[in-house]
Protein backbone atom coordinates (compact mmCIF):
# COMPACT_ATOMS: atom_id res chain seq x y z
CA UNK A 1 0.00 0.00 0.00
CA UNK A 2 0.94 3.66 -0.13
CA UNK A 3 3.28 4.98 2.53
CA UNK A 4 1.10 8.06 3.07
CA UNK A 5 -0.52 8.00 6.49
CA UNK A 6 -3.96 8.64 5.02
CA UNK A 7 -6.46 6.16 6.55
CA UNK A 8 -8.72 6.58 3.53
CA UNK A 9 -8.75 3.68 1.07
CA UNK A 10 -8.64 4.84 -2.55
CA UNK A 11 -10.38 2.67 -5.15
CA UNK A 12 -10.45 3.02 -8.92
CA UNK A 13 -13.39 1.28 -10.61
CA UNK A 14 -12.97 0.37 -14.29
CA UNK A 15 -15.94 -1.11 -16.08
CA UNK A 16 -19.12 -0.53 -18.01
CA UNK A 17 -22.83 -0.15 -17.36
CA UNK A 18 -22.80 -2.97 -14.79
CA UNK A 19 -20.54 -0.70 -12.71
CA UNK A 20 -22.20 2.66 -13.32
CA UNK A 21 -25.82 1.51 -13.04
CA UNK A 22 -27.02 2.66 -9.60
CA UNK A 23 -23.53 4.20 -9.07
CA UNK A 24 -21.93 1.08 -7.59
CA UNK A 25 -18.83 2.95 -6.34
CA UNK A 26 -21.08 5.24 -4.26
CA UNK A 27 -22.89 2.20 -2.83
CA UNK A 28 -19.54 0.58 -2.01
CA UNK A 29 -18.44 3.76 -0.24
CA UNK A 30 -21.71 3.90 1.74
CA UNK A 31 -21.51 0.24 2.73
CA UNK A 32 -17.88 0.65 3.81
CA UNK A 33 -18.84 3.59 5.99
CA UNK A 34 -21.25 1.35 7.94
CA UNK A 35 -18.20 -0.85 8.70
CA UNK A 36 -16.08 2.12 9.80
CA UNK A 37 -14.01 2.12 6.61
CA UNK A 38 -13.38 5.42 4.82
CA UNK A 39 -13.21 5.11 1.04
CA UNK A 40 -12.72 7.49 -1.85
CA UNK A 41 -13.65 6.20 -5.28
CA UNK A 42 -13.08 7.16 -8.87
CA UNK A 43 -14.99 5.48 -11.68
CA UNK A 44 -14.19 5.07 -15.35
CA UNK A 45 -17.12 3.15 -16.81
CA UNK A 46 -18.47 3.45 -20.32
CA UNK A 47 -21.31 1.64 -22.12
CA UNK A 48 -20.33 -1.74 -23.60
CA UNK A 49 -16.67 -1.34 -22.66
CA UNK A 50 -14.39 -4.29 -22.05
CA UNK A 51 -10.97 -4.30 -20.42
CA UNK A 52 -9.38 -4.11 -23.85
CA UNK A 53 -11.32 -0.94 -24.74
CA UNK A 54 -10.26 0.85 -21.56
CA UNK A 55 -6.65 -0.22 -22.07
CA UNK A 56 -6.60 0.93 -25.68
CA UNK A 57 -8.01 4.35 -24.72
CA UNK A 58 -4.87 4.91 -22.62
CA UNK A 59 -6.52 6.90 -19.82
CA UNK A 60 -6.47 4.05 -17.33
CA UNK A 61 -2.69 3.73 -17.47
CA UNK A 62 -2.34 7.41 -16.57
CA UNK A 63 -4.74 7.10 -13.63
CA UNK A 64 -3.04 4.02 -12.19
CA UNK A 65 0.40 5.60 -12.71
CA UNK A 66 -0.51 8.41 -10.31
CA UNK A 67 0.01 5.90 -7.51
CA UNK A 68 -2.96 7.20 -5.57
CA UNK A 69 -5.06 3.99 -5.64
CA UNK A 70 -4.93 1.15 -3.14
CA UNK A 71 -7.24 -1.02 -5.25
CA UNK A 72 -8.09 -1.11 -8.93
CA UNK A 73 -11.34 -2.99 -9.52
CA UNK A 74 -11.87 -4.17 -13.09
CA UNK A 75 -15.05 -5.46 -14.70
CA UNK A 76 -16.25 -6.35 -18.15
CA UNK A 77 -19.26 -8.19 -19.55
CA UNK A 78 -20.16 -11.65 -18.31
CA UNK A 79 -17.29 -13.30 -20.23
CA UNK A 80 -18.64 -16.84 -20.29
CA UNK A 81 -17.17 -17.55 -23.73
CA UNK A 82 -13.54 -18.08 -24.74
CA UNK A 83 -13.00 -14.58 -26.14
CA UNK A 84 -14.15 -12.97 -22.89
CA UNK A 85 -12.07 -15.42 -20.85
CA UNK A 86 -8.97 -14.60 -22.89
CA UNK A 87 -9.57 -10.88 -22.44
CA UNK A 88 -10.02 -11.25 -18.66
CA UNK A 89 -6.71 -13.10 -18.47
CA UNK A 90 -4.62 -11.26 -21.07
CA UNK A 91 -5.68 -7.72 -20.27
CA UNK A 92 -5.81 -8.56 -16.59
CA UNK A 93 -2.11 -9.37 -16.86
CA UNK A 94 -1.46 -5.86 -18.21
CA UNK A 95 -3.54 -4.23 -15.47
CA UNK A 96 -1.85 -6.39 -12.82
CA UNK A 97 1.65 -5.40 -13.97
CA UNK A 98 0.72 -1.73 -13.91
CA UNK A 99 -0.94 -2.04 -10.51
CA UNK A 100 2.09 -3.82 -9.07
CA UNK A 101 4.39 -1.12 -10.41
CA UNK A 102 2.31 1.59 -8.72
CA UNK A 103 1.55 -0.21 -5.44
CA UNK A 104 -2.12 -0.95 -6.07
CA UNK A 105 -3.86 -4.30 -5.71
CA UNK A 106 -5.91 -5.54 -8.67
CA UNK A 107 -9.38 -6.95 -8.02
CA UNK A 108 -11.83 -8.57 -10.43
CA UNK A 109 -15.50 -7.62 -10.00
CA UNK A 110 -17.14 -10.87 -11.12
CA UNK A 111 -20.43 -10.09 -12.81
CA UNK A 112 -23.44 -12.13 -13.94
CA UNK A 113 -25.02 -12.97 -17.28
CA UNK A 114 -28.37 -11.65 -18.40
CA UNK A 115 -31.37 -13.52 -17.06
CA UNK A 116 -31.81 -15.07 -20.52
CA UNK A 117 -28.31 -16.58 -20.26
CA UNK A 118 -28.37 -17.41 -16.56
CA UNK A 119 -27.38 -20.98 -17.50
CA UNK A 120 -23.89 -19.65 -18.40
CA UNK A 121 -23.22 -18.37 -14.87
CA UNK A 122 -20.91 -21.27 -13.97
CA UNK A 123 -18.66 -20.39 -16.93
CA UNK A 124 -18.62 -16.74 -15.87
CA UNK A 125 -17.65 -17.75 -12.33
CA UNK A 126 -14.91 -20.08 -13.57
CA UNK A 127 -13.43 -17.57 -16.01
CA UNK A 128 -13.30 -14.76 -13.46
CA UNK A 129 -11.78 -17.07 -10.84
CA UNK A 130 -9.16 -18.31 -13.29
CA UNK A 131 -8.25 -14.78 -14.40
CA UNK A 132 -7.88 -13.60 -10.81
CA UNK A 133 -5.79 -16.63 -9.87
CA UNK A 134 -3.53 -16.38 -12.92
CA UNK A 135 -2.98 -12.65 -12.33
CA UNK A 136 -2.58 -12.89 -8.55
CA UNK A 137 -5.58 -10.62 -8.03
CA UNK A 138 -8.45 -10.44 -5.58
CA UNK A 139 -11.73 -11.99 -6.70
CA UNK A 140 -14.88 -10.10 -5.75
CA UNK A 141 -17.43 -12.91 -6.32
CA UNK A 142 -20.54 -10.83 -6.94
CA UNK A 143 -21.63 -13.28 -9.65
CA UNK A 144 -21.55 -16.11 -7.09
CA UNK A 145 -23.62 -14.01 -4.68
CA UNK A 146 -26.17 -13.46 -7.45
CA UNK A 147 -26.27 -17.14 -8.41
CA UNK A 148 -26.77 -18.27 -4.81
CA UNK A 149 -29.50 -15.69 -4.26
CA UNK A 150 -31.35 -16.53 -7.47
CA UNK A 151 -31.16 -20.26 -6.79
CA UNK A 152 -32.23 -20.03 -3.14
CA UNK A 153 -34.89 -17.34 -3.40
CA UNK A 154 -36.29 -18.22 -6.82
CA UNK A 155 -36.51 -14.45 -7.29
CA UNK A 156 -35.07 -12.36 -10.10
CA UNK A 157 -35.25 -9.07 -8.21
CA UNK A 158 -31.48 -8.52 -8.34
CA UNK A 159 -32.08 -7.78 -12.02
CA UNK A 160 -33.50 -4.52 -13.28
CA UNK A 161 -36.34 -4.32 -15.80
CA UNK A 162 -34.10 -5.22 -18.77
CA UNK A 163 -33.10 -8.57 -17.26
CA UNK A 164 -29.39 -7.71 -17.33
CA UNK A 165 -28.51 -4.53 -15.45
CA UNK A 166 -28.84 -4.64 -11.68
CA UNK A 167 -31.78 -3.36 -9.71
CA UNK A 168 -30.87 -1.19 -6.74
CA UNK A 169 -31.21 -4.31 -4.58
CA UNK A 170 -28.77 -6.15 -6.87
CA UNK A 171 -26.28 -3.27 -6.76
CA UNK A 172 -26.49 -3.13 -2.96
CA UNK A 173 -25.77 -6.87 -2.82
CA UNK A 174 -22.80 -6.28 -5.13
CA UNK A 175 -21.50 -3.51 -2.86
CA UNK A 176 -21.80 -5.70 0.24
CA UNK A 177 -19.94 -8.54 -1.50
CA UNK A 178 -17.18 -6.19 -2.65
CA UNK A 179 -16.64 -4.77 0.83
CA UNK A 180 -16.71 -8.17 2.54
CA UNK A 181 -14.03 -9.50 0.16
CA UNK A 182 -11.79 -6.43 0.15
CA UNK A 183 -11.77 -6.05 3.93
C-alpha atoms as a PDB file:
ATOM      1  CA  UNK A   1       0.000   0.000   0.000  1.00  0.00           C
ATOM      2  CA  UNK A   2       0.942   3.659  -0.129  1.00  0.00           C
ATOM      3  CA  UNK A   3       3.278   4.985   2.530  1.00  0.00           C
ATOM      4  CA  UNK A   4       1.102   8.059   3.065  1.00  0.00           C
ATOM      5  CA  UNK A   5      -0.525   8.002   6.490  1.00  0.00           C
ATOM      6  CA  UNK A   6      -3.963   8.640   5.024  1.00  0.00           C
ATOM      7  CA  UNK A   7      -6.462   6.161   6.546  1.00  0.00           C
ATOM      8  CA  UNK A   8      -8.716   6.579   3.526  1.00  0.00           C
ATOM      9  CA  UNK A   9      -8.746   3.684   1.066  1.00  0.00           C
ATOM     10  CA  UNK A  10      -8.641   4.836  -2.555  1.00  0.00           C
ATOM     11  CA  UNK A  11     -10.379   2.668  -5.145  1.00  0.00           C
ATOM     12  CA  UNK A  12     -10.445   3.016  -8.922  1.00  0.00           C
ATOM     13  CA  UNK A  13     -13.389   1.278 -10.605  1.00  0.00           C
ATOM     14  CA  UNK A  14     -12.966   0.373 -14.287  1.00  0.00           C
ATOM     15  CA  UNK A  15     -15.941  -1.109 -16.083  1.00  0.00           C
ATOM     16  CA  UNK A  16     -19.117  -0.528 -18.013  1.00  0.00           C
ATOM     17  CA  UNK A  17     -22.833  -0.155 -17.357  1.00  0.00           C
ATOM     18  CA  UNK A  18     -22.799  -2.971 -14.792  1.00  0.00           C
ATOM     19  CA  UNK A  19     -20.541  -0.699 -12.710  1.00  0.00           C
ATOM     20  CA  UNK A  20     -22.199   2.662 -13.316  1.00  0.00           C
ATOM     21  CA  UNK A  21     -25.825   1.506 -13.035  1.00  0.00           C
ATOM     22  CA  UNK A  22     -27.018   2.658  -9.598  1.00  0.00           C
ATOM     23  CA  UNK A  23     -23.530   4.204  -9.071  1.00  0.00           C
ATOM     24  CA  UNK A  24     -21.930   1.081  -7.592  1.00  0.00           C
ATOM     25  CA  UNK A  25     -18.829   2.952  -6.342  1.00  0.00           C
ATOM     26  CA  UNK A  26     -21.076   5.238  -4.265  1.00  0.00           C
ATOM     27  CA  UNK A  27     -22.893   2.205  -2.833  1.00  0.00           C
ATOM     28  CA  UNK A  28     -19.538   0.576  -2.005  1.00  0.00           C
ATOM     29  CA  UNK A  29     -18.435   3.757  -0.240  1.00  0.00           C
ATOM     30  CA  UNK A  30     -21.707   3.902   1.737  1.00  0.00           C
ATOM     31  CA  UNK A  31     -21.510   0.242   2.734  1.00  0.00           C
ATOM     32  CA  UNK A  32     -17.876   0.646   3.808  1.00  0.00           C
ATOM     33  CA  UNK A  33     -18.841   3.594   5.987  1.00  0.00           C
ATOM     34  CA  UNK A  34     -21.249   1.347   7.941  1.00  0.00           C
ATOM     35  CA  UNK A  35     -18.199  -0.850   8.695  1.00  0.00           C
ATOM     36  CA  UNK A  36     -16.078   2.117   9.804  1.00  0.00           C
ATOM     37  CA  UNK A  37     -14.014   2.120   6.605  1.00  0.00           C
ATOM     38  CA  UNK A  38     -13.380   5.416   4.824  1.00  0.00           C
ATOM     39  CA  UNK A  39     -13.210   5.111   1.042  1.00  0.00           C
ATOM     40  CA  UNK A  40     -12.720   7.489  -1.854  1.00  0.00           C
ATOM     41  CA  UNK A  41     -13.646   6.201  -5.276  1.00  0.00           C
ATOM     42  CA  UNK A  42     -13.085   7.157  -8.872  1.00  0.00           C
ATOM     43  CA  UNK A  43     -14.993   5.477 -11.681  1.00  0.00           C
ATOM     44  CA  UNK A  44     -14.192   5.066 -15.351  1.00  0.00           C
ATOM     45  CA  UNK A  45     -17.124   3.145 -16.813  1.00  0.00           C
ATOM     46  CA  UNK A  46     -18.470   3.454 -20.324  1.00  0.00           C
ATOM     47  CA  UNK A  47     -21.309   1.635 -22.119  1.00  0.00           C
ATOM     48  CA  UNK A  48     -20.333  -1.741 -23.604  1.00  0.00           C
ATOM     49  CA  UNK A  49     -16.668  -1.336 -22.663  1.00  0.00           C
ATOM     50  CA  UNK A  50     -14.393  -4.291 -22.054  1.00  0.00           C
ATOM     51  CA  UNK A  51     -10.968  -4.303 -20.417  1.00  0.00           C
ATOM     52  CA  UNK A  52      -9.379  -4.108 -23.851  1.00  0.00           C
ATOM     53  CA  UNK A  53     -11.321  -0.940 -24.741  1.00  0.00           C
ATOM     54  CA  UNK A  54     -10.257   0.849 -21.563  1.00  0.00           C
ATOM     55  CA  UNK A  55      -6.654  -0.221 -22.073  1.00  0.00           C
ATOM     56  CA  UNK A  56      -6.602   0.929 -25.682  1.00  0.00           C
ATOM     57  CA  UNK A  57      -8.008   4.348 -24.723  1.00  0.00           C
ATOM     58  CA  UNK A  58      -4.869   4.907 -22.616  1.00  0.00           C
ATOM     59  CA  UNK A  59      -6.522   6.903 -19.819  1.00  0.00           C
ATOM     60  CA  UNK A  60      -6.468   4.047 -17.331  1.00  0.00           C
ATOM     61  CA  UNK A  61      -2.691   3.733 -17.474  1.00  0.00           C
ATOM     62  CA  UNK A  62      -2.344   7.413 -16.574  1.00  0.00           C
ATOM     63  CA  UNK A  63      -4.743   7.099 -13.634  1.00  0.00           C
ATOM     64  CA  UNK A  64      -3.041   4.019 -12.189  1.00  0.00           C
ATOM     65  CA  UNK A  65       0.398   5.600 -12.711  1.00  0.00           C
ATOM     66  CA  UNK A  66      -0.515   8.406 -10.315  1.00  0.00           C
ATOM     67  CA  UNK A  67       0.014   5.896  -7.510  1.00  0.00           C
ATOM     68  CA  UNK A  68      -2.959   7.197  -5.569  1.00  0.00           C
ATOM     69  CA  UNK A  69      -5.056   3.991  -5.640  1.00  0.00           C
ATOM     70  CA  UNK A  70      -4.926   1.146  -3.143  1.00  0.00           C
ATOM     71  CA  UNK A  71      -7.239  -1.016  -5.248  1.00  0.00           C
ATOM     72  CA  UNK A  72      -8.089  -1.109  -8.928  1.00  0.00           C
ATOM     73  CA  UNK A  73     -11.341  -2.988  -9.524  1.00  0.00           C
ATOM     74  CA  UNK A  74     -11.870  -4.170 -13.087  1.00  0.00           C
ATOM     75  CA  UNK A  75     -15.054  -5.456 -14.696  1.00  0.00           C
ATOM     76  CA  UNK A  76     -16.246  -6.355 -18.154  1.00  0.00           C
ATOM     77  CA  UNK A  77     -19.258  -8.189 -19.552  1.00  0.00           C
ATOM     78  CA  UNK A  78     -20.162 -11.651 -18.306  1.00  0.00           C
ATOM     79  CA  UNK A  79     -17.288 -13.303 -20.235  1.00  0.00           C
ATOM     80  CA  UNK A  80     -18.642 -16.842 -20.288  1.00  0.00           C
ATOM     81  CA  UNK A  81     -17.170 -17.555 -23.727  1.00  0.00           C
ATOM     82  CA  UNK A  82     -13.538 -18.081 -24.740  1.00  0.00           C
ATOM     83  CA  UNK A  83     -13.002 -14.579 -26.137  1.00  0.00           C
ATOM     84  CA  UNK A  84     -14.149 -12.972 -22.887  1.00  0.00           C
ATOM     85  CA  UNK A  85     -12.069 -15.419 -20.846  1.00  0.00           C
ATOM     86  CA  UNK A  86      -8.974 -14.598 -22.890  1.00  0.00           C
ATOM     87  CA  UNK A  87      -9.571 -10.882 -22.435  1.00  0.00           C
ATOM     88  CA  UNK A  88     -10.016 -11.249 -18.663  1.00  0.00           C
ATOM     89  CA  UNK A  89      -6.709 -13.095 -18.468  1.00  0.00           C
ATOM     90  CA  UNK A  90      -4.619 -11.264 -21.067  1.00  0.00           C
ATOM     91  CA  UNK A  91      -5.683  -7.716 -20.268  1.00  0.00           C
ATOM     92  CA  UNK A  92      -5.811  -8.565 -16.587  1.00  0.00           C
ATOM     93  CA  UNK A  93      -2.105  -9.368 -16.862  1.00  0.00           C
ATOM     94  CA  UNK A  94      -1.463  -5.857 -18.212  1.00  0.00           C
ATOM     95  CA  UNK A  95      -3.539  -4.233 -15.474  1.00  0.00           C
ATOM     96  CA  UNK A  96      -1.847  -6.388 -12.816  1.00  0.00           C
ATOM     97  CA  UNK A  97       1.653  -5.403 -13.967  1.00  0.00           C
ATOM     98  CA  UNK A  98       0.719  -1.730 -13.913  1.00  0.00           C
ATOM     99  CA  UNK A  99      -0.941  -2.036 -10.509  1.00  0.00           C
ATOM    100  CA  UNK A 100       2.095  -3.815  -9.066  1.00  0.00           C
ATOM    101  CA  UNK A 101       4.387  -1.120 -10.413  1.00  0.00           C
ATOM    102  CA  UNK A 102       2.308   1.591  -8.720  1.00  0.00           C
ATOM    103  CA  UNK A 103       1.550  -0.212  -5.438  1.00  0.00           C
ATOM    104  CA  UNK A 104      -2.116  -0.951  -6.069  1.00  0.00           C
ATOM    105  CA  UNK A 105      -3.860  -4.295  -5.715  1.00  0.00           C
ATOM    106  CA  UNK A 106      -5.907  -5.544  -8.667  1.00  0.00           C
ATOM    107  CA  UNK A 107      -9.383  -6.954  -8.023  1.00  0.00           C
ATOM    108  CA  UNK A 108     -11.831  -8.574 -10.427  1.00  0.00           C
ATOM    109  CA  UNK A 109     -15.497  -7.616 -10.001  1.00  0.00           C
ATOM    110  CA  UNK A 110     -17.142 -10.867 -11.119  1.00  0.00           C
ATOM    111  CA  UNK A 111     -20.434 -10.086 -12.809  1.00  0.00           C
ATOM    112  CA  UNK A 112     -23.437 -12.134 -13.942  1.00  0.00           C
ATOM    113  CA  UNK A 113     -25.018 -12.970 -17.285  1.00  0.00           C
ATOM    114  CA  UNK A 114     -28.368 -11.653 -18.397  1.00  0.00           C
ATOM    115  CA  UNK A 115     -31.374 -13.516 -17.065  1.00  0.00           C
ATOM    116  CA  UNK A 116     -31.807 -15.066 -20.516  1.00  0.00           C
ATOM    117  CA  UNK A 117     -28.312 -16.580 -20.265  1.00  0.00           C
ATOM    118  CA  UNK A 118     -28.366 -17.412 -16.555  1.00  0.00           C
ATOM    119  CA  UNK A 119     -27.384 -20.980 -17.500  1.00  0.00           C
ATOM    120  CA  UNK A 120     -23.890 -19.648 -18.400  1.00  0.00           C
ATOM    121  CA  UNK A 121     -23.215 -18.369 -14.868  1.00  0.00           C
ATOM    122  CA  UNK A 122     -20.907 -21.266 -13.974  1.00  0.00           C
ATOM    123  CA  UNK A 123     -18.656 -20.395 -16.927  1.00  0.00           C
ATOM    124  CA  UNK A 124     -18.618 -16.735 -15.866  1.00  0.00           C
ATOM    125  CA  UNK A 125     -17.649 -17.746 -12.335  1.00  0.00           C
ATOM    126  CA  UNK A 126     -14.911 -20.079 -13.566  1.00  0.00           C
ATOM    127  CA  UNK A 127     -13.432 -17.570 -16.009  1.00  0.00           C
ATOM    128  CA  UNK A 128     -13.303 -14.755 -13.460  1.00  0.00           C
ATOM    129  CA  UNK A 129     -11.782 -17.073 -10.840  1.00  0.00           C
ATOM    130  CA  UNK A 130      -9.165 -18.309 -13.288  1.00  0.00           C
ATOM    131  CA  UNK A 131      -8.248 -14.784 -14.401  1.00  0.00           C
ATOM    132  CA  UNK A 132      -7.881 -13.595 -10.809  1.00  0.00           C
ATOM    133  CA  UNK A 133      -5.786 -16.626  -9.866  1.00  0.00           C
ATOM    134  CA  UNK A 134      -3.528 -16.378 -12.924  1.00  0.00           C
ATOM    135  CA  UNK A 135      -2.979 -12.653 -12.335  1.00  0.00           C
ATOM    136  CA  UNK A 136      -2.583 -12.890  -8.547  1.00  0.00           C
ATOM    137  CA  UNK A 137      -5.582 -10.617  -8.035  1.00  0.00           C
ATOM    138  CA  UNK A 138      -8.445 -10.444  -5.583  1.00  0.00           C
ATOM    139  CA  UNK A 139     -11.726 -11.992  -6.700  1.00  0.00           C
ATOM    140  CA  UNK A 140     -14.880 -10.105  -5.750  1.00  0.00           C
ATOM    141  CA  UNK A 141     -17.427 -12.905  -6.319  1.00  0.00           C
ATOM    142  CA  UNK A 142     -20.538 -10.834  -6.939  1.00  0.00           C
ATOM    143  CA  UNK A 143     -21.633 -13.284  -9.652  1.00  0.00           C
ATOM    144  CA  UNK A 144     -21.555 -16.106  -7.094  1.00  0.00           C
ATOM    145  CA  UNK A 145     -23.622 -14.014  -4.682  1.00  0.00           C
ATOM    146  CA  UNK A 146     -26.170 -13.465  -7.447  1.00  0.00           C
ATOM    147  CA  UNK A 147     -26.267 -17.140  -8.415  1.00  0.00           C
ATOM    148  CA  UNK A 148     -26.766 -18.266  -4.811  1.00  0.00           C
ATOM    149  CA  UNK A 149     -29.502 -15.693  -4.260  1.00  0.00           C
ATOM    150  CA  UNK A 150     -31.347 -16.531  -7.475  1.00  0.00           C
ATOM    151  CA  UNK A 151     -31.163 -20.259  -6.787  1.00  0.00           C
ATOM    152  CA  UNK A 152     -32.234 -20.034  -3.140  1.00  0.00           C
ATOM    153  CA  UNK A 153     -34.891 -17.336  -3.395  1.00  0.00           C
ATOM    154  CA  UNK A 154     -36.286 -18.221  -6.822  1.00  0.00           C
ATOM    155  CA  UNK A 155     -36.514 -14.452  -7.290  1.00  0.00           C
ATOM    156  CA  UNK A 156     -35.075 -12.364 -10.102  1.00  0.00           C
ATOM    157  CA  UNK A 157     -35.253  -9.073  -8.212  1.00  0.00           C
ATOM    158  CA  UNK A 158     -31.482  -8.517  -8.338  1.00  0.00           C
ATOM    159  CA  UNK A 159     -32.082  -7.779 -12.019  1.00  0.00           C
ATOM    160  CA  UNK A 160     -33.501  -4.522 -13.278  1.00  0.00           C
ATOM    161  CA  UNK A 161     -36.341  -4.322 -15.804  1.00  0.00           C
ATOM    162  CA  UNK A 162     -34.102  -5.217 -18.774  1.00  0.00           C
ATOM    163  CA  UNK A 163     -33.100  -8.567 -17.255  1.00  0.00           C
ATOM    164  CA  UNK A 164     -29.394  -7.705 -17.332  1.00  0.00           C
ATOM    165  CA  UNK A 165     -28.509  -4.534 -15.454  1.00  0.00           C
ATOM    166  CA  UNK A 166     -28.842  -4.644 -11.683  1.00  0.00           C
ATOM    167  CA  UNK A 167     -31.777  -3.361  -9.712  1.00  0.00           C
ATOM    168  CA  UNK A 168     -30.869  -1.188  -6.742  1.00  0.00           C
ATOM    169  CA  UNK A 169     -31.210  -4.313  -4.582  1.00  0.00           C
ATOM    170  CA  UNK A 170     -28.769  -6.148  -6.866  1.00  0.00           C
ATOM    171  CA  UNK A 171     -26.278  -3.273  -6.760  1.00  0.00           C
ATOM    172  CA  UNK A 172     -26.488  -3.130  -2.965  1.00  0.00           C
ATOM    173  CA  UNK A 173     -25.775  -6.871  -2.819  1.00  0.00           C
ATOM    174  CA  UNK A 174     -22.804  -6.278  -5.129  1.00  0.00           C
ATOM    175  CA  UNK A 175     -21.495  -3.505  -2.858  1.00  0.00           C
ATOM    176  CA  UNK A 176     -21.796  -5.699   0.239  1.00  0.00           C
ATOM    177  CA  UNK A 177     -19.942  -8.536  -1.503  1.00  0.00           C
ATOM    178  CA  UNK A 178     -17.184  -6.193  -2.650  1.00  0.00           C
ATOM    179  CA  UNK A 179     -16.638  -4.770   0.828  1.00  0.00           C
ATOM    180  CA  UNK A 180     -16.709  -8.171   2.536  1.00  0.00           C
ATOM    181  CA  UNK A 181     -14.034  -9.500   0.158  1.00  0.00           C
ATOM    182  CA  UNK A 182     -11.790  -6.430   0.148  1.00  0.00           C
ATOM    183  CA  UNK A 183     -11.769  -6.052   3.926  1.00  0.00           C
END
